[in-house]
N, C-alpha and C. Protein backbone atom coordinates (compact mmCIF):
# COMPACT_ATOMS: atom_id res chain seq x y z
N MET A 1 106.97 -7.53 -31.91
CA MET A 1 105.82 -8.41 -31.69
C MET A 1 105.86 -8.98 -30.28
N LEU A 2 104.63 -9.13 -29.70
CA LEU A 2 104.57 -9.69 -28.35
C LEU A 2 104.86 -11.18 -28.40
N PRO A 3 105.50 -11.67 -27.40
CA PRO A 3 105.76 -13.11 -27.34
C PRO A 3 104.46 -13.87 -27.38
N LEU A 4 104.50 -15.07 -27.98
CA LEU A 4 103.28 -15.87 -28.13
C LEU A 4 102.69 -16.24 -26.79
N TYR A 5 103.55 -16.54 -25.82
CA TYR A 5 103.01 -16.97 -24.53
C TYR A 5 102.24 -15.84 -23.86
N PHE A 6 102.69 -14.56 -24.13
CA PHE A 6 102.01 -13.42 -23.53
C PHE A 6 100.63 -13.24 -24.13
N LEU A 7 100.57 -13.40 -25.46
CA LEU A 7 99.27 -13.31 -26.15
C LEU A 7 98.35 -14.42 -25.68
N TYR A 8 98.90 -15.59 -25.51
CA TYR A 8 98.10 -16.74 -25.05
C TYR A 8 97.57 -16.50 -23.64
N SER A 9 98.41 -15.86 -22.82
CA SER A 9 98.02 -15.57 -21.44
C SER A 9 96.87 -14.58 -21.41
N ILE A 10 96.96 -13.55 -22.27
CA ILE A 10 95.88 -12.55 -22.34
C ILE A 10 94.59 -13.19 -22.82
N SER A 11 94.75 -14.06 -23.82
CA SER A 11 93.57 -14.75 -24.37
C SER A 11 92.90 -15.60 -23.32
N GLU A 12 93.73 -16.28 -22.51
CA GLU A 12 93.18 -17.12 -21.44
C GLU A 12 92.44 -16.27 -20.40
N GLN A 13 93.02 -15.10 -20.07
CA GLN A 13 92.39 -14.22 -19.09
C GLN A 13 91.05 -13.70 -19.60
N ASN A 14 91.06 -13.34 -20.90
CA ASN A 14 89.80 -12.85 -21.49
C ASN A 14 88.73 -13.93 -21.48
N THR A 15 89.17 -15.15 -21.79
CA THR A 15 88.23 -16.27 -21.81
C THR A 15 87.69 -16.53 -20.41
N SER A 16 88.57 -16.51 -19.42
CA SER A 16 88.15 -16.75 -18.03
C SER A 16 87.20 -15.66 -17.56
N TRP A 17 87.53 -14.40 -17.94
CA TRP A 17 86.66 -13.28 -17.54
C TRP A 17 85.29 -13.40 -18.17
N SER A 18 85.31 -13.80 -19.45
CA SER A 18 84.04 -13.97 -20.18
C SER A 18 83.20 -15.07 -19.55
N ILE A 19 83.86 -16.17 -19.20
CA ILE A 19 83.14 -17.28 -18.56
C ILE A 19 82.61 -16.84 -17.20
N GLY A 20 83.44 -16.09 -16.47
CA GLY A 20 83.03 -15.60 -15.15
C GLY A 20 81.82 -14.68 -15.25
N MET A 21 81.84 -13.79 -16.26
CA MET A 21 80.71 -12.87 -16.44
C MET A 21 79.44 -13.64 -16.78
N LYS A 22 79.58 -14.66 -17.62
CA LYS A 22 78.41 -15.46 -17.98
C LYS A 22 77.82 -16.15 -16.75
N ARG A 23 78.75 -16.70 -15.94
CA ARG A 23 78.28 -17.37 -14.72
C ARG A 23 77.62 -16.37 -13.77
N PHE A 24 78.22 -15.16 -13.68
CA PHE A 24 77.66 -14.14 -12.80
C PHE A 24 76.26 -13.73 -13.26
N LYS A 25 76.14 -13.51 -14.57
CA LYS A 25 74.83 -13.15 -15.12
C LYS A 25 73.82 -14.26 -14.89
N LYS A 26 74.31 -15.50 -15.02
CA LYS A 26 73.42 -16.65 -14.81
C LYS A 26 72.93 -16.68 -13.36
N TYR A 27 73.89 -16.45 -12.42
CA TYR A 27 73.53 -16.47 -11.00
C TYR A 27 72.54 -15.33 -10.67
N VAL A 28 72.84 -14.15 -11.27
CA VAL A 28 71.95 -13.00 -11.04
C VAL A 28 70.56 -13.30 -11.57
N ALA A 29 70.52 -13.86 -12.79
CA ALA A 29 69.22 -14.19 -13.40
C ALA A 29 68.47 -15.22 -12.58
N GLU A 30 69.20 -16.24 -12.12
CA GLU A 30 68.56 -17.27 -11.30
C GLU A 30 68.07 -16.68 -9.97
N GLY A 31 68.90 -15.78 -9.39
CA GLY A 31 68.51 -15.15 -8.13
C GLY A 31 67.26 -14.29 -8.30
N LEU A 32 67.25 -13.50 -9.39
CA LEU A 32 66.08 -12.67 -9.66
C LEU A 32 64.84 -13.52 -9.91
N LEU A 33 65.03 -14.64 -10.60
CA LEU A 33 63.91 -15.54 -10.87
C LEU A 33 63.35 -16.12 -9.58
N ILE A 34 64.26 -16.49 -8.67
CA ILE A 34 63.83 -17.03 -7.37
C ILE A 34 63.06 -15.98 -6.58
N ILE A 35 63.62 -14.74 -6.56
CA ILE A 35 62.95 -13.65 -5.84
C ILE A 35 61.57 -13.38 -6.43
N PHE A 36 61.52 -13.32 -7.77
CA PHE A 36 60.24 -13.08 -8.44
C PHE A 36 59.24 -14.19 -8.13
N SER A 37 59.74 -15.43 -8.16
CA SER A 37 58.86 -16.58 -7.89
C SER A 37 58.29 -16.51 -6.48
N VAL A 38 59.15 -16.15 -5.52
CA VAL A 38 58.70 -16.05 -4.12
C VAL A 38 57.67 -14.93 -3.97
N LEU A 39 58.00 -13.76 -4.56
CA LEU A 39 57.07 -12.63 -4.47
C LEU A 39 55.75 -12.93 -5.16
N PHE A 40 55.82 -13.59 -6.30
CA PHE A 40 54.60 -13.94 -7.03
C PHE A 40 53.76 -14.93 -6.22
N ALA A 41 54.44 -15.90 -5.60
CA ALA A 41 53.73 -16.88 -4.78
C ALA A 41 53.05 -16.19 -3.59
N LEU A 42 53.77 -15.23 -2.97
CA LEU A 42 53.18 -14.48 -1.86
C LEU A 42 51.98 -13.67 -2.32
N PHE A 43 52.12 -13.06 -3.52
CA PHE A 43 51.00 -12.28 -4.07
C PHE A 43 49.79 -13.16 -4.32
N ILE A 44 50.02 -14.34 -4.91
CA ILE A 44 48.92 -15.27 -5.19
C ILE A 44 48.26 -15.73 -3.90
N ASN A 45 49.09 -16.05 -2.90
CA ASN A 45 48.55 -16.49 -1.61
C ASN A 45 47.70 -15.39 -0.96
N GLN A 46 48.23 -14.16 -1.01
CA GLN A 46 47.49 -13.04 -0.42
C GLN A 46 46.19 -12.79 -1.17
N TRP A 47 46.28 -12.86 -2.49
CA TRP A 47 45.07 -12.66 -3.30
C TRP A 47 44.03 -13.73 -3.00
N PHE A 48 44.49 -14.97 -2.87
CA PHE A 48 43.56 -16.07 -2.59
C PHE A 48 42.96 -15.92 -1.19
N ASP A 49 43.80 -15.51 -0.23
CA ASP A 49 43.29 -15.29 1.13
C ASP A 49 42.24 -14.18 1.14
N ASP A 50 42.53 -13.09 0.41
CA ASP A 50 41.58 -11.98 0.32
C ASP A 50 40.28 -12.42 -0.34
N TYR A 51 40.42 -13.23 -1.38
CA TYR A 51 39.23 -13.73 -2.08
C TYR A 51 38.39 -14.60 -1.16
N GLN A 52 39.06 -15.50 -0.43
CA GLN A 52 38.33 -16.37 0.49
C GLN A 52 37.63 -15.56 1.59
N THR A 53 38.34 -14.56 2.12
CA THR A 53 37.74 -13.71 3.16
C THR A 53 36.54 -12.96 2.62
N HIS A 54 36.69 -12.42 1.42
CA HIS A 54 35.57 -11.69 0.79
C HIS A 54 34.39 -12.61 0.55
N ARG A 55 34.68 -13.83 0.11
CA ARG A 55 33.60 -14.79 -0.15
C ARG A 55 32.90 -15.19 1.15
N ARG A 56 33.69 -15.42 2.21
CA ARG A 56 33.10 -15.76 3.51
C ARG A 56 32.23 -14.61 4.03
N LYS A 57 32.68 -13.39 3.80
CA LYS A 57 31.90 -12.22 4.20
C LYS A 57 30.58 -12.18 3.45
N GLU A 58 30.62 -12.43 2.13
CA GLU A 58 29.40 -12.42 1.33
C GLU A 58 28.42 -13.49 1.79
N VAL A 59 28.94 -14.68 2.04
CA VAL A 59 28.09 -15.80 2.49
C VAL A 59 27.46 -15.47 3.84
N ALA A 60 28.26 -14.90 4.75
CA ALA A 60 27.75 -14.55 6.08
C ALA A 60 26.64 -13.51 5.98
N LEU A 61 26.84 -12.48 5.16
CA LEU A 61 25.83 -11.44 5.00
C LEU A 61 24.57 -11.98 4.33
N GLU A 62 24.75 -12.87 3.37
CA GLU A 62 23.59 -13.48 2.72
C GLU A 62 22.78 -14.31 3.72
N SER A 63 23.48 -15.04 4.58
CA SER A 63 22.80 -15.85 5.60
C SER A 63 22.05 -14.97 6.59
N ILE A 64 22.71 -13.89 7.02
CA ILE A 64 22.07 -12.96 7.95
C ILE A 64 20.86 -12.29 7.30
N GLN A 65 21.03 -11.91 6.05
CA GLN A 65 19.92 -11.28 5.33
C GLN A 65 18.71 -12.21 5.25
N SER A 66 18.96 -13.47 4.92
CA SER A 66 17.87 -14.46 4.85
C SER A 66 17.20 -14.62 6.21
N GLU A 67 18.03 -14.64 7.26
CA GLU A 67 17.50 -14.78 8.62
C GLU A 67 16.64 -13.57 8.99
N LEU A 68 17.08 -12.38 8.60
CA LEU A 68 16.32 -11.17 8.91
C LEU A 68 14.98 -11.16 8.17
N TYR A 69 15.00 -11.58 6.92
CA TYR A 69 13.74 -11.66 6.15
C TYR A 69 12.77 -12.62 6.83
N ARG A 70 13.29 -13.76 7.24
CA ARG A 70 12.43 -14.77 7.89
C ARG A 70 11.90 -14.23 9.22
N ASN A 71 12.78 -13.64 10.01
CA ASN A 71 12.35 -13.10 11.31
C ASN A 71 11.33 -11.98 11.14
N ARG A 72 11.52 -11.15 10.11
CA ARG A 72 10.58 -10.06 9.87
C ARG A 72 9.19 -10.60 9.53
N SER A 73 9.16 -11.66 8.74
CA SER A 73 7.89 -12.29 8.38
C SER A 73 7.20 -12.88 9.61
N ILE A 74 7.99 -13.55 10.45
CA ILE A 74 7.45 -14.13 11.69
C ILE A 74 6.92 -13.02 12.59
N LEU A 75 7.71 -11.94 12.70
CA LEU A 75 7.31 -10.83 13.57
C LEU A 75 6.00 -10.20 13.12
N ALA A 76 5.80 -10.10 11.81
CA ALA A 76 4.56 -9.52 11.29
C ALA A 76 3.36 -10.34 11.76
N SER A 77 3.52 -11.67 11.75
CA SER A 77 2.46 -12.55 12.23
C SER A 77 2.26 -12.39 13.74
N TRP A 78 3.36 -12.30 14.46
CA TRP A 78 3.30 -12.08 15.91
C TRP A 78 2.53 -10.81 16.23
N LYS A 79 2.94 -9.73 15.56
CA LYS A 79 2.38 -8.42 15.88
C LYS A 79 0.86 -8.39 15.65
N GLU A 80 0.43 -8.96 14.55
CA GLU A 80 -1.00 -9.01 14.26
C GLU A 80 -1.76 -9.78 15.34
N HIS A 81 -1.19 -10.90 15.74
CA HIS A 81 -1.82 -11.75 16.76
C HIS A 81 -1.82 -11.06 18.12
N HIS A 82 -0.71 -10.46 18.49
CA HIS A 82 -0.59 -9.82 19.81
C HIS A 82 -1.42 -8.54 19.90
N MET A 83 -1.55 -7.82 18.80
CA MET A 83 -2.42 -6.64 18.80
C MET A 83 -3.88 -7.05 18.98
N ALA A 84 -4.26 -8.17 18.40
CA ALA A 84 -5.63 -8.67 18.56
C ALA A 84 -5.89 -9.04 20.02
N ILE A 85 -4.90 -9.68 20.66
CA ILE A 85 -5.04 -10.02 22.09
C ILE A 85 -5.15 -8.76 22.93
N ARG A 86 -4.26 -7.80 22.64
CA ARG A 86 -4.27 -6.53 23.38
C ARG A 86 -5.62 -5.83 23.24
N ASP A 87 -6.15 -5.79 22.02
CA ASP A 87 -7.43 -5.12 21.79
C ASP A 87 -8.59 -5.88 22.44
N ARG A 88 -8.46 -7.19 22.49
CA ARG A 88 -9.50 -8.00 23.15
C ARG A 88 -9.54 -7.70 24.65
N ILE A 89 -8.36 -7.60 25.24
CA ILE A 89 -8.27 -7.25 26.67
C ILE A 89 -8.82 -5.85 26.91
N THR A 90 -8.42 -4.92 26.05
CA THR A 90 -8.90 -3.54 26.18
C THR A 90 -10.42 -3.47 26.06
N GLY A 91 -10.97 -4.27 25.15
CA GLY A 91 -12.42 -4.30 24.97
C GLY A 91 -13.14 -4.74 26.23
N VAL A 92 -12.58 -5.73 26.93
CA VAL A 92 -13.18 -6.20 28.19
C VAL A 92 -13.11 -5.11 29.24
N LEU A 93 -11.94 -4.48 29.37
CA LEU A 93 -11.75 -3.45 30.40
C LEU A 93 -12.62 -2.22 30.14
N GLU A 94 -12.90 -1.94 28.88
CA GLU A 94 -13.70 -0.76 28.55
C GLU A 94 -15.18 -1.10 28.42
N GLY A 95 -15.55 -2.34 28.76
CA GLY A 95 -16.96 -2.73 28.73
C GLY A 95 -17.53 -2.95 27.36
N ARG A 96 -16.67 -3.21 26.38
CA ARG A 96 -17.14 -3.42 25.01
C ARG A 96 -17.17 -4.89 24.62
N ASN A 97 -16.82 -5.76 25.55
CA ASN A 97 -16.81 -7.19 25.24
C ASN A 97 -17.28 -7.97 26.47
N ASP A 98 -18.56 -7.78 26.79
CA ASP A 98 -19.12 -8.42 27.98
C ASP A 98 -19.14 -9.93 27.87
N SER A 99 -19.33 -10.44 26.67
CA SER A 99 -19.40 -11.89 26.49
C SER A 99 -18.08 -12.55 26.86
N LEU A 100 -16.97 -11.89 26.53
CA LEU A 100 -15.65 -12.43 26.88
C LEU A 100 -15.45 -12.35 28.39
N LEU A 101 -15.90 -11.27 29.00
CA LEU A 101 -15.77 -11.13 30.45
C LEU A 101 -16.56 -12.23 31.16
N VAL A 102 -17.75 -12.51 30.68
CA VAL A 102 -18.57 -13.58 31.27
C VAL A 102 -17.86 -14.92 31.14
N ALA A 103 -17.31 -15.17 29.96
CA ALA A 103 -16.60 -16.44 29.72
C ALA A 103 -15.39 -16.57 30.65
N LEU A 104 -14.69 -15.47 30.88
CA LEU A 104 -13.52 -15.49 31.77
C LEU A 104 -13.92 -15.78 33.21
N THR A 105 -14.98 -15.15 33.67
CA THR A 105 -15.37 -15.27 35.08
C THR A 105 -16.10 -16.57 35.39
N GLN A 106 -16.44 -17.33 34.37
CA GLN A 106 -17.10 -18.62 34.61
C GLN A 106 -16.11 -19.68 35.08
N LYS A 107 -14.82 -19.37 35.00
CA LYS A 107 -13.80 -20.33 35.41
C LYS A 107 -13.10 -19.82 36.66
N ASN A 108 -12.53 -20.76 37.41
CA ASN A 108 -11.85 -20.37 38.64
C ASN A 108 -10.35 -20.12 38.42
N PHE A 109 -9.98 -19.98 37.18
CA PHE A 109 -8.60 -19.62 36.82
C PHE A 109 -8.66 -18.80 35.53
N LEU A 110 -7.60 -18.08 35.26
CA LEU A 110 -7.58 -17.28 34.04
C LEU A 110 -7.25 -18.18 32.85
N ASP A 111 -8.21 -18.32 31.97
CA ASP A 111 -8.02 -19.14 30.77
C ASP A 111 -7.41 -18.26 29.68
N LEU A 112 -6.10 -18.38 29.52
CA LEU A 112 -5.39 -17.55 28.55
C LEU A 112 -5.89 -17.80 27.13
N GLY A 113 -6.37 -19.01 26.89
CA GLY A 113 -6.89 -19.34 25.57
C GLY A 113 -8.04 -18.45 25.14
N LEU A 114 -8.83 -17.98 26.12
CA LEU A 114 -9.94 -17.07 25.79
C LEU A 114 -9.43 -15.73 25.29
N LEU A 115 -8.27 -15.32 25.79
CA LEU A 115 -7.69 -14.05 25.36
C LEU A 115 -6.93 -14.19 24.04
N THR A 116 -6.36 -15.37 23.82
CA THR A 116 -5.55 -15.58 22.61
C THR A 116 -6.35 -16.21 21.48
N ASN A 117 -7.68 -16.37 21.70
CA ASN A 117 -8.53 -17.04 20.71
C ASN A 117 -8.08 -18.48 20.48
N ASN A 118 -7.66 -19.10 21.58
CA ASN A 118 -7.21 -20.50 21.58
C ASN A 118 -6.02 -20.75 20.64
N GLU A 119 -5.22 -19.72 20.46
CA GLU A 119 -3.99 -19.85 19.68
C GLU A 119 -2.80 -19.68 20.62
N SER A 120 -1.68 -20.26 20.23
CA SER A 120 -0.48 -20.11 21.06
C SER A 120 -0.01 -18.66 21.01
N LEU A 121 0.74 -18.28 22.03
CA LEU A 121 1.21 -16.90 22.10
C LEU A 121 2.15 -16.57 20.94
N VAL A 122 2.99 -17.52 20.56
CA VAL A 122 3.85 -17.38 19.38
C VAL A 122 3.75 -18.65 18.56
N ASP A 123 3.78 -18.50 17.24
CA ASP A 123 3.64 -19.66 16.37
C ASP A 123 4.94 -20.07 15.69
N ALA A 124 6.01 -19.30 15.94
CA ALA A 124 7.33 -19.61 15.38
C ALA A 124 8.37 -18.87 16.22
N VAL A 125 9.61 -19.24 16.03
CA VAL A 125 10.69 -18.68 16.85
C VAL A 125 11.57 -17.76 16.02
N LEU A 126 11.89 -16.59 16.58
CA LEU A 126 12.86 -15.70 15.96
C LEU A 126 14.26 -16.26 16.21
N THR A 127 15.03 -16.41 15.15
CA THR A 127 16.35 -17.04 15.29
C THR A 127 17.48 -16.01 15.20
N HIS A 128 18.65 -16.42 15.67
CA HIS A 128 19.84 -15.57 15.57
C HIS A 128 21.06 -16.43 15.21
N THR A 129 20.81 -17.56 14.57
CA THR A 129 21.87 -18.51 14.25
C THR A 129 22.92 -17.91 13.32
N ALA A 130 22.48 -17.25 12.25
CA ALA A 130 23.41 -16.68 11.27
C ALA A 130 24.28 -15.60 11.91
N TRP A 131 23.69 -14.78 12.75
CA TRP A 131 24.42 -13.72 13.44
C TRP A 131 25.44 -14.29 14.41
N GLU A 132 25.06 -15.28 15.19
CA GLU A 132 25.98 -15.89 16.14
C GLU A 132 27.11 -16.61 15.41
N SER A 133 26.81 -17.21 14.28
CA SER A 133 27.83 -17.90 13.48
C SER A 133 28.86 -16.90 12.96
N ALA A 134 28.38 -15.75 12.49
CA ALA A 134 29.29 -14.72 11.98
C ALA A 134 30.20 -14.20 13.09
N LYS A 135 29.66 -14.08 14.28
CA LYS A 135 30.47 -13.61 15.41
C LYS A 135 31.50 -14.66 15.83
N SER A 136 31.08 -15.91 15.88
CA SER A 136 31.97 -16.97 16.35
C SER A 136 33.14 -17.21 15.39
N THR A 137 32.91 -17.01 14.10
CA THR A 137 33.98 -17.21 13.11
C THR A 137 34.86 -15.97 12.96
N GLY A 138 34.41 -14.85 13.52
CA GLY A 138 35.19 -13.62 13.44
C GLY A 138 35.03 -12.85 12.14
N ILE A 139 34.15 -13.32 11.26
CA ILE A 139 34.00 -12.67 9.95
C ILE A 139 33.36 -11.29 10.09
N ILE A 140 32.70 -11.01 11.21
CA ILE A 140 32.08 -9.69 11.37
C ILE A 140 33.15 -8.59 11.42
N ALA A 141 34.40 -8.97 11.65
CA ALA A 141 35.48 -7.99 11.62
C ALA A 141 35.63 -7.38 10.23
N GLU A 142 35.12 -8.09 9.21
CA GLU A 142 35.20 -7.61 7.83
C GLU A 142 34.00 -6.73 7.47
N PHE A 143 32.98 -6.69 8.32
CA PHE A 143 31.81 -5.84 8.04
C PHE A 143 32.19 -4.39 8.30
N ASP A 144 31.57 -3.47 7.56
CA ASP A 144 31.81 -2.06 7.86
C ASP A 144 31.10 -1.68 9.16
N PHE A 145 31.51 -0.57 9.74
CA PHE A 145 31.04 -0.18 11.07
C PHE A 145 29.53 -0.04 11.12
N GLU A 146 28.94 0.63 10.14
CA GLU A 146 27.50 0.88 10.16
C GLU A 146 26.70 -0.42 10.06
N THR A 147 27.18 -1.35 9.25
CA THR A 147 26.49 -2.64 9.12
C THR A 147 26.53 -3.38 10.45
N THR A 148 27.70 -3.43 11.07
CA THR A 148 27.83 -4.10 12.37
C THR A 148 26.94 -3.44 13.41
N GLN A 149 26.88 -2.12 13.38
CA GLN A 149 26.05 -1.37 14.33
C GLN A 149 24.57 -1.70 14.15
N LYS A 150 24.10 -1.72 12.90
CA LYS A 150 22.69 -2.03 12.63
C LYS A 150 22.34 -3.45 13.05
N LEU A 151 23.23 -4.38 12.74
CA LEU A 151 22.96 -5.78 13.07
C LEU A 151 23.00 -6.01 14.58
N THR A 152 23.95 -5.39 15.25
CA THR A 152 24.02 -5.51 16.71
C THR A 152 22.75 -4.98 17.35
N GLN A 153 22.28 -3.86 16.84
CA GLN A 153 21.07 -3.23 17.38
C GLN A 153 19.85 -4.12 17.18
N VAL A 154 19.68 -4.64 15.97
CA VAL A 154 18.47 -5.42 15.69
C VAL A 154 18.46 -6.74 16.46
N TYR A 155 19.61 -7.40 16.55
CA TYR A 155 19.64 -8.67 17.27
C TYR A 155 19.58 -8.48 18.78
N SER A 156 20.11 -7.38 19.28
CA SER A 156 20.00 -7.10 20.71
C SER A 156 18.55 -6.83 21.10
N MET A 157 17.86 -6.05 20.27
CA MET A 157 16.45 -5.75 20.54
C MET A 157 15.60 -7.01 20.40
N GLN A 158 15.97 -7.85 19.46
CA GLN A 158 15.24 -9.12 19.29
C GLN A 158 15.37 -9.98 20.54
N ARG A 159 16.55 -9.98 21.12
CA ARG A 159 16.76 -10.76 22.35
C ARG A 159 15.94 -10.20 23.51
N VAL A 160 15.87 -8.88 23.60
CA VAL A 160 15.04 -8.25 24.64
C VAL A 160 13.59 -8.66 24.47
N LEU A 161 13.13 -8.62 23.24
CA LEU A 161 11.73 -8.96 22.94
C LEU A 161 11.38 -10.38 23.36
N THR A 162 12.26 -11.32 23.00
CA THR A 162 11.95 -12.73 23.26
C THR A 162 12.31 -13.16 24.68
N ASP A 163 13.46 -12.72 25.16
CA ASP A 163 13.95 -13.21 26.45
C ASP A 163 13.43 -12.43 27.65
N ARG A 164 12.95 -11.20 27.41
CA ARG A 164 12.46 -10.42 28.54
C ARG A 164 10.96 -10.14 28.45
N THR A 165 10.55 -9.49 27.36
CA THR A 165 9.16 -9.03 27.27
C THR A 165 8.18 -10.20 27.18
N LEU A 166 8.43 -11.12 26.27
CA LEU A 166 7.56 -12.30 26.17
C LEU A 166 7.65 -13.14 27.43
N ALA A 167 8.86 -13.27 27.95
CA ALA A 167 9.06 -14.07 29.17
C ALA A 167 8.30 -13.46 30.35
N ASN A 168 8.24 -12.12 30.41
CA ASN A 168 7.50 -11.47 31.49
C ASN A 168 6.01 -11.79 31.44
N ILE A 169 5.47 -11.87 30.24
CA ILE A 169 4.05 -12.22 30.09
C ILE A 169 3.80 -13.63 30.60
N LEU A 170 4.66 -14.54 30.20
CA LEU A 170 4.50 -15.94 30.64
C LEU A 170 4.73 -16.08 32.14
N ASP A 171 5.73 -15.37 32.65
CA ASP A 171 6.00 -15.42 34.10
C ASP A 171 4.79 -14.94 34.89
N PHE A 172 4.17 -13.87 34.40
CA PHE A 172 3.00 -13.34 35.10
C PHE A 172 1.84 -14.33 35.03
N TYR A 173 1.67 -14.96 33.88
CA TYR A 173 0.56 -15.91 33.73
C TYR A 173 0.73 -17.10 34.69
N PHE A 174 1.96 -17.54 34.87
CA PHE A 174 2.20 -18.69 35.75
C PHE A 174 2.30 -18.30 37.23
N ASP A 175 2.16 -17.02 37.51
CA ASP A 175 2.10 -16.56 38.90
C ASP A 175 0.68 -16.83 39.42
N THR A 176 0.59 -17.35 40.63
CA THR A 176 -0.73 -17.68 41.19
C THR A 176 -1.64 -16.46 41.30
N GLN A 177 -1.06 -15.28 41.46
CA GLN A 177 -1.87 -14.07 41.58
C GLN A 177 -2.63 -13.76 40.30
N ALA A 178 -2.12 -14.26 39.19
CA ALA A 178 -2.78 -14.02 37.90
C ALA A 178 -4.06 -14.83 37.76
N HIS A 179 -4.33 -15.70 38.72
CA HIS A 179 -5.52 -16.56 38.65
C HIS A 179 -6.47 -16.29 39.81
N ASP A 180 -6.28 -15.16 40.47
CA ASP A 180 -7.21 -14.73 41.52
C ASP A 180 -8.38 -14.02 40.83
N MET A 181 -9.38 -14.79 40.47
CA MET A 181 -10.46 -14.27 39.63
C MET A 181 -11.30 -13.19 40.31
N GLU A 182 -11.15 -13.03 41.62
CA GLU A 182 -11.85 -11.94 42.30
C GLU A 182 -11.27 -10.58 41.90
N ASN A 183 -10.03 -10.61 41.41
CA ASN A 183 -9.37 -9.37 40.98
C ASN A 183 -9.15 -9.39 39.46
N ILE A 184 -10.14 -9.87 38.74
CA ILE A 184 -10.00 -10.04 37.30
C ILE A 184 -9.64 -8.74 36.58
N ASP A 185 -10.21 -7.61 37.03
CA ASP A 185 -9.91 -6.33 36.38
C ASP A 185 -8.43 -5.96 36.52
N GLN A 186 -7.89 -6.13 37.72
CA GLN A 186 -6.48 -5.82 37.94
C GLN A 186 -5.58 -6.75 37.13
N ILE A 187 -5.98 -8.00 37.06
CA ILE A 187 -5.20 -8.98 36.29
C ILE A 187 -5.17 -8.59 34.81
N LEU A 188 -6.34 -8.21 34.29
CA LEU A 188 -6.41 -7.83 32.87
C LEU A 188 -5.63 -6.55 32.59
N VAL A 189 -5.62 -5.63 33.55
CA VAL A 189 -4.82 -4.41 33.38
C VAL A 189 -3.33 -4.76 33.28
N GLN A 190 -2.88 -5.68 34.11
CA GLN A 190 -1.48 -6.11 34.07
C GLN A 190 -1.14 -6.76 32.73
N PHE A 191 -2.05 -7.58 32.24
CA PHE A 191 -1.83 -8.19 30.92
C PHE A 191 -1.85 -7.13 29.83
N GLN A 192 -2.77 -6.19 29.94
CA GLN A 192 -2.87 -5.13 28.94
C GLN A 192 -1.56 -4.34 28.85
N LEU A 193 -1.02 -3.97 30.01
CA LEU A 193 0.24 -3.22 30.03
C LEU A 193 1.37 -4.01 29.37
N ARG A 194 1.41 -5.29 29.66
CA ARG A 194 2.47 -6.13 29.10
C ARG A 194 2.32 -6.30 27.60
N PHE A 195 1.10 -6.40 27.13
CA PHE A 195 0.88 -6.54 25.69
C PHE A 195 1.09 -5.21 24.96
N TRP A 196 0.83 -4.10 25.62
CA TRP A 196 1.17 -2.81 25.03
C TRP A 196 2.69 -2.70 24.85
N GLU A 197 3.42 -3.12 25.87
CA GLU A 197 4.89 -3.10 25.77
C GLU A 197 5.36 -4.02 24.65
N LEU A 198 4.77 -5.20 24.58
CA LEU A 198 5.16 -6.18 23.57
C LEU A 198 4.91 -5.66 22.16
N THR A 199 3.71 -5.17 21.90
CA THR A 199 3.38 -4.70 20.55
C THR A 199 4.17 -3.44 20.19
N GLY A 200 4.49 -2.62 21.19
CA GLY A 200 5.33 -1.46 20.93
C GLY A 200 6.73 -1.86 20.49
N GLN A 201 7.28 -2.86 21.16
CA GLN A 201 8.61 -3.36 20.78
C GLN A 201 8.57 -4.06 19.42
N GLU A 202 7.48 -4.73 19.14
CA GLU A 202 7.35 -5.39 17.83
C GLU A 202 7.28 -4.36 16.70
N GLU A 203 6.65 -3.23 16.97
CA GLU A 203 6.61 -2.14 15.99
C GLU A 203 8.02 -1.61 15.75
N LEU A 204 8.77 -1.43 16.83
CA LEU A 204 10.16 -0.98 16.71
C LEU A 204 10.99 -2.00 15.95
N MET A 205 10.80 -3.28 16.25
CA MET A 205 11.56 -4.33 15.58
C MET A 205 11.29 -4.34 14.08
N THR A 206 10.07 -4.07 13.68
CA THR A 206 9.74 -4.01 12.25
C THR A 206 10.61 -2.99 11.54
N SER A 207 10.78 -1.83 12.18
CA SER A 207 11.62 -0.77 11.61
C SER A 207 13.09 -1.17 11.62
N LEU A 208 13.54 -1.79 12.70
CA LEU A 208 14.95 -2.20 12.80
C LEU A 208 15.30 -3.27 11.78
N TYR A 209 14.39 -4.21 11.56
CA TYR A 209 14.62 -5.24 10.54
C TYR A 209 14.79 -4.59 9.17
N GLN A 210 13.91 -3.66 8.86
CA GLN A 210 13.96 -3.00 7.55
C GLN A 210 15.26 -2.24 7.37
N GLN A 211 15.68 -1.52 8.40
CA GLN A 211 16.92 -0.75 8.32
C GLN A 211 18.13 -1.66 8.12
N ALA A 212 18.16 -2.78 8.84
CA ALA A 212 19.29 -3.71 8.74
C ALA A 212 19.34 -4.35 7.36
N ILE A 213 18.18 -4.74 6.84
CA ILE A 213 18.12 -5.36 5.51
C ILE A 213 18.57 -4.37 4.45
N GLU A 214 18.10 -3.14 4.53
CA GLU A 214 18.49 -2.12 3.56
C GLU A 214 19.99 -1.86 3.61
N LYS A 215 20.58 -1.89 4.80
CA LYS A 215 22.02 -1.65 4.94
C LYS A 215 22.81 -2.77 4.27
N ILE A 216 22.38 -4.00 4.45
CA ILE A 216 23.07 -5.13 3.82
C ILE A 216 22.97 -5.06 2.31
N GLU A 217 21.83 -4.60 1.81
CA GLU A 217 21.58 -4.57 0.37
C GLU A 217 22.25 -3.40 -0.35
N GLU A 218 22.84 -2.48 0.40
CA GLU A 218 23.49 -1.32 -0.23
C GLU A 218 24.63 -1.76 -1.14
């Protein structure tokens, strides 16, 4: 028989080993739990960030879409008004509106109100607030390439229409040469050319608005 102290020593070793294994398993379990908790927290944070980005993208596109609808409606009113002015000028130049020509020549300056039917050249402003906001926040980086391309095109053309073409008409009107009534025919030709350019661009803008809206709605 083995001495009692030897058996006791083995028993103590087994007990110590068992306790050590339990502690090791506990540490491993705690370590795995910590790792899982960290990874889960990272996953939740990433998911929440993605959700927020997606939501910001949706809000930005909705705002741009609303702006495009509004601008398209304004443009339709513009185009109708500007085509009427263009046709009125053409009528005078082609001798089909002598009464308007008489009214124009009775004054020593060009009365633009006679050409615009006493209405302002534009009755509302085309805006680009939603588009500029999307660019400034960087959310357009989340738009697909074709959407960004369509929106860039429509807003760039809108800027040309308002900042160049319309401005050219006003600049010409405020030029003293535009009020030399002895050259009324030449003056009207210059206005006619400018209004042809304006209405042509407005026709193009109508198509660009529609394309951009359809792209957003896909």
